[in-house]
Amino acid sequence: MKLIVGLGNPGEEYAWTPHNLGFLAVDELAERAGIRVTRPEAKSQVGRGEFAGREVVLAKPQTMMNLSGVAVRMLLEKYECGPGDLIVLIDETDLPWGMLRIRERGSGTTHNGLQSIIAALGTDKFVRVRLGVGPEKIWGDRRDYVLSKMSRAERETAKQLVDDAAKAVEWIIKEGVEKAMSRFNRRVAPTEEES
């Protein structure tokens, strides 16, 4: 079984902010798999079903972002999964808008949700799919930026990005992390012909 967790903040006021791309990516996966992510479990909204030929649990923690680790640890315990079964979908200001990057391990960088998961699990050895939301330059505080509403152009890019993230998760499950990294990790966002 794979536990696929998208990070975000609960509440309508955060719905179309860069920090909630993880939630949007899980919504895209749920739509593709025909899974309803609505059941309250382990401080999360959860749905269980099949995706890419594997049994999966899709989850959106309902803690605030910086407490995501509590929910993820509870989910892993509930479903008797280890960190190796975990795929986390997060926004990443260190990557330009539209870029996607898969990693098997690593620090939480400046992402509070990722830092929370690493602290709660005591390991950084889990797959994360990072969805680039970095502006050309940060205006003011980074926190203010990731919690601001997306522009119309950013929403269009976000739709393509969550589509790419869903494809990346499918590759991770079917082909393995290494092949998915070779396919999706790029220095620039893919052109339409490559998508």
Protein backbone atom coordinates (compact mmCIF):
# COMPACT_ATOMS: atom_id res chain seq x y z
CA MET A 1 0.00 0.00 0.00
CA LYS A 2 1.10 3.57 -0.73
CA LEU A 3 0.18 6.50 1.47
CA ILE A 4 -0.03 9.64 -0.69
CA VAL A 5 -0.30 12.84 1.31
CA GLY A 6 -0.83 16.33 -0.08
CA LEU A 7 0.04 19.20 2.22
CA GLY A 8 -1.97 22.37 2.63
CA ASN A 9 -3.94 24.38 5.15
CA PRO A 10 -7.61 23.57 5.85
CA GLY A 11 -10.18 26.28 5.26
CA GLU A 12 -11.67 28.06 2.27
CA GLU A 13 -9.44 31.11 2.77
CA TYR A 14 -6.41 28.99 1.79
CA ALA A 15 -8.02 27.12 -1.12
CA TRP A 16 -6.25 28.83 -4.05
CA THR A 17 -2.96 29.77 -2.43
CA PRO A 18 0.44 28.41 -3.51
CA HIS A 19 0.79 26.65 -0.13
CA ASN A 20 -2.20 24.42 -0.96
CA LEU A 21 -0.88 22.85 -4.15
CA GLY A 22 -0.43 19.56 -2.28
CA PHE A 23 -4.18 19.48 -1.60
CA LEU A 24 -4.92 20.28 -5.25
CA ALA A 25 -2.61 17.47 -6.39
CA VAL A 26 -4.38 14.95 -4.12
CA ASP A 27 -7.71 16.17 -5.51
CA GLU A 28 -6.41 15.47 -9.03
CA LEU A 29 -5.26 11.97 -8.03
CA ALA A 30 -8.62 11.32 -6.38
CA GLU A 31 -10.46 12.35 -9.53
CA ARG A 32 -8.31 10.10 -11.73
CA ALA A 33 -8.71 7.13 -9.38
CA GLY A 34 -12.38 7.67 -8.55
CA ILE A 35 -11.59 7.96 -4.84
CA ARG A 36 -13.51 10.26 -2.50
CA VAL A 37 -11.17 11.96 -0.03
CA THR A 38 -13.75 12.86 2.59
CA ARG A 39 -13.50 10.39 5.49
CA PRO A 40 -12.15 11.95 8.72
CA GLU A 41 -9.26 9.86 10.08
CA ALA A 42 -6.00 10.61 11.85
CA LYS A 43 -6.52 14.41 11.76
CA SER A 44 -6.96 14.16 7.96
CA GLN A 45 -9.46 13.77 5.16
CA VAL A 46 -8.82 10.32 3.72
CA GLY A 47 -9.86 8.15 0.79
CA ARG A 48 -8.82 4.61 -0.01
CA GLY A 49 -8.83 2.81 -3.34
CA GLU A 50 -6.64 1.78 -6.26
CA PHE A 51 -4.37 3.90 -8.41
CA ALA A 52 -1.77 2.77 -10.95
CA GLY A 53 -2.47 -0.86 -10.05
CA ARG A 54 -1.71 -0.44 -6.34
CA GLU A 55 -3.82 0.01 -3.25
CA VAL A 56 -3.45 3.62 -2.09
CA VAL A 57 -4.60 5.89 0.68
CA LEU A 58 -4.96 9.53 -0.35
CA ALA A 59 -4.87 12.04 2.49
CA LYS A 60 -5.09 15.76 3.17
CA PRO A 61 -4.04 16.57 6.75
CA GLN A 62 -6.47 18.93 8.45
CA THR A 63 -3.90 20.28 10.89
CA MET A 64 -2.29 23.55 9.94
CA MET A 65 0.75 23.12 7.69
CA ASN A 66 3.39 23.33 10.41
CA LEU A 67 1.73 20.41 12.28
CA SER A 68 1.42 18.08 9.29
CA GLY A 69 3.84 15.59 10.80
CA VAL A 70 1.39 14.67 13.55
CA ALA A 71 -1.24 13.63 11.00
CA VAL A 72 1.25 11.82 8.75
CA ARG A 73 2.65 9.79 11.67
CA MET A 74 -0.90 8.83 12.72
CA LEU A 75 -1.76 7.80 9.15
CA LEU A 76 1.35 5.64 8.81
CA GLU A 77 0.53 3.92 12.11
CA LYS A 78 -3.14 3.41 11.21
CA TYR A 79 -2.38 1.86 7.83
CA GLU A 80 0.72 -0.01 9.07
CA CYS A 81 2.95 1.66 6.50
CA GLY A 82 6.56 2.76 6.82
CA PRO A 83 8.24 5.91 5.53
CA GLY A 84 9.21 3.94 2.39
CA ASP A 85 5.50 3.69 1.54
CA LEU A 86 4.96 7.45 1.83
CA ILE A 87 4.72 9.97 -1.02
CA VAL A 88 4.32 13.63 0.01
CA LEU A 89 3.15 16.34 -2.41
CA ILE A 90 4.22 19.87 -1.46
CA ASP A 91 4.62 23.36 -2.84
CA GLU A 92 8.21 24.60 -3.19
CA THR A 93 9.22 28.25 -3.38
CA ASP A 94 12.80 27.27 -4.23
CA LEU A 95 11.59 26.01 -7.64
CA PRO A 96 10.12 28.27 -10.34
CA TRP A 97 6.40 28.15 -11.08
CA GLY A 98 5.54 25.05 -13.08
CA MET A 99 8.69 23.05 -12.32
CA LEU A 100 8.33 19.66 -10.66
CA ARG A 101 11.04 17.84 -8.73
CA ILE A 102 10.98 14.35 -7.17
CA ARG A 103 13.32 13.50 -4.31
CA GLU A 104 13.79 10.31 -2.28
CA ARG A 105 15.12 12.08 0.80
CA GLY A 106 16.54 15.35 2.01
CA SER A 107 16.07 18.15 4.47
CA GLY A 108 12.84 20.07 4.88
CA THR A 109 14.52 23.19 3.44
CA THR A 110 12.32 26.13 4.41
CA HIS A 111 9.04 24.21 4.12
CA ASN A 112 7.41 24.01 7.56
CA GLY A 113 5.16 21.10 6.62
CA LEU A 114 8.07 19.01 5.40
CA GLN A 115 10.12 19.89 8.48
CA SER A 116 7.19 18.79 10.65
CA ILE A 117 6.98 15.41 8.90
CA ILE A 118 10.72 14.79 9.18
CA ALA A 119 10.62 15.67 12.90
CA ALA A 120 7.56 13.47 13.56
CA LEU A 121 8.93 10.46 11.68
CA GLY A 122 12.56 10.84 12.73
CA THR A 123 13.70 10.30 9.14
CA ASP A 124 13.90 12.15 5.84
CA LYS A 125 13.80 8.91 3.82
CA PHE A 126 10.46 9.23 2.07
CA VAL A 127 9.51 10.34 -1.44
CA ARG A 128 8.41 13.90 -1.96
CA VAL A 129 7.07 15.49 -5.12
CA ARG A 130 7.88 19.20 -5.00
CA LEU A 131 5.67 21.53 -7.05
CA GLY A 132 7.42 24.78 -7.95
CA VAL A 133 5.69 28.01 -6.95
CA GLY A 134 8.71 30.30 -6.70
CA PRO A 135 8.17 33.84 -7.94
CA GLU A 136 10.91 35.67 -9.82
CA LYS A 137 11.60 37.36 -6.51
CA ILE A 138 9.97 37.07 -3.10
CA TRP A 139 8.10 40.22 -2.23
CA GLY A 140 8.01 40.82 1.50
CA ASP A 141 7.74 37.75 3.69
CA ARG A 142 7.80 34.26 2.14
CA ARG A 143 4.89 33.25 4.39
CA ASP A 144 2.76 36.11 3.05
CA TYR A 145 3.57 35.03 -0.50
CA VAL A 146 2.61 31.33 -0.12
CA LEU A 147 -0.63 32.28 1.68
CA SER A 148 -1.71 34.89 -0.90
CA LYS A 149 -4.34 34.07 -3.53
CA MET A 150 -3.00 32.90 -6.88
CA SER A 151 -3.41 35.15 -9.91
CA ARG A 152 -5.43 33.88 -12.89
CA ALA A 153 -2.20 33.01 -14.74
CA GLU A 154 -0.83 31.17 -11.69
CA ARG A 155 -4.06 29.16 -11.43
CA GLU A 156 -3.66 28.01 -15.02
CA THR A 157 -0.06 27.00 -14.32
CA ALA A 158 -1.21 25.28 -11.11
CA LYS A 159 -3.73 23.17 -13.04
CA GLN A 160 -0.98 21.91 -15.36
CA LEU A 161 1.37 21.39 -12.44
CA VAL A 162 -1.06 19.21 -10.46
CA ASP A 163 -1.72 17.23 -13.64
CA ASP A 164 2.05 16.67 -13.96
CA ALA A 165 2.24 15.74 -10.28
CA ALA A 166 -0.44 13.09 -10.75
CA LYS A 167 1.50 11.66 -13.71
CA ALA A 168 4.68 11.68 -11.60
CA VAL A 169 2.99 9.76 -8.78
CA GLU A 170 1.76 7.21 -11.31
CA TRP A 171 5.32 6.79 -12.61
CA ILE A 172 6.67 6.45 -9.06
CA ILE A 173 4.19 3.67 -8.32
CA LYS A 174 4.49 1.83 -11.66
CA GLU A 175 8.11 2.40 -12.68
CA GLY A 176 9.90 3.28 -9.44
CA VAL A 177 11.36 6.49 -8.07
CA GLU A 178 14.56 6.47 -10.15
CA LYS A 179 12.72 6.28 -13.48
CA ALA A 180 10.21 8.89 -12.32
CA MET A 181 13.07 11.21 -11.35
CA SER A 182 14.68 10.75 -14.78
CA ARG A 183 11.37 11.49 -16.48
CA PHE A 184 10.16 14.46 -14.42
CA ASN A 185 13.16 16.20 -12.83
CA ARG A 186 14.16 19.03 -15.15
CA ARG A 187 15.99 22.32 -14.91
CA VAL A 188 13.11 24.14 -16.59
CA ALA A 189 9.37 23.56 -16.76
CA PRO A 190 8.35 21.21 -19.62
CA THR A 191 7.05 22.65 -22.84
CA GLU A 192 3.54 21.71 -23.97
CA GLU A 193 4.94 19.25 -26.52
CA GLU A 194 6.82 17.36 -23.78
CA SER A 195 3.85 17.11 -21.39
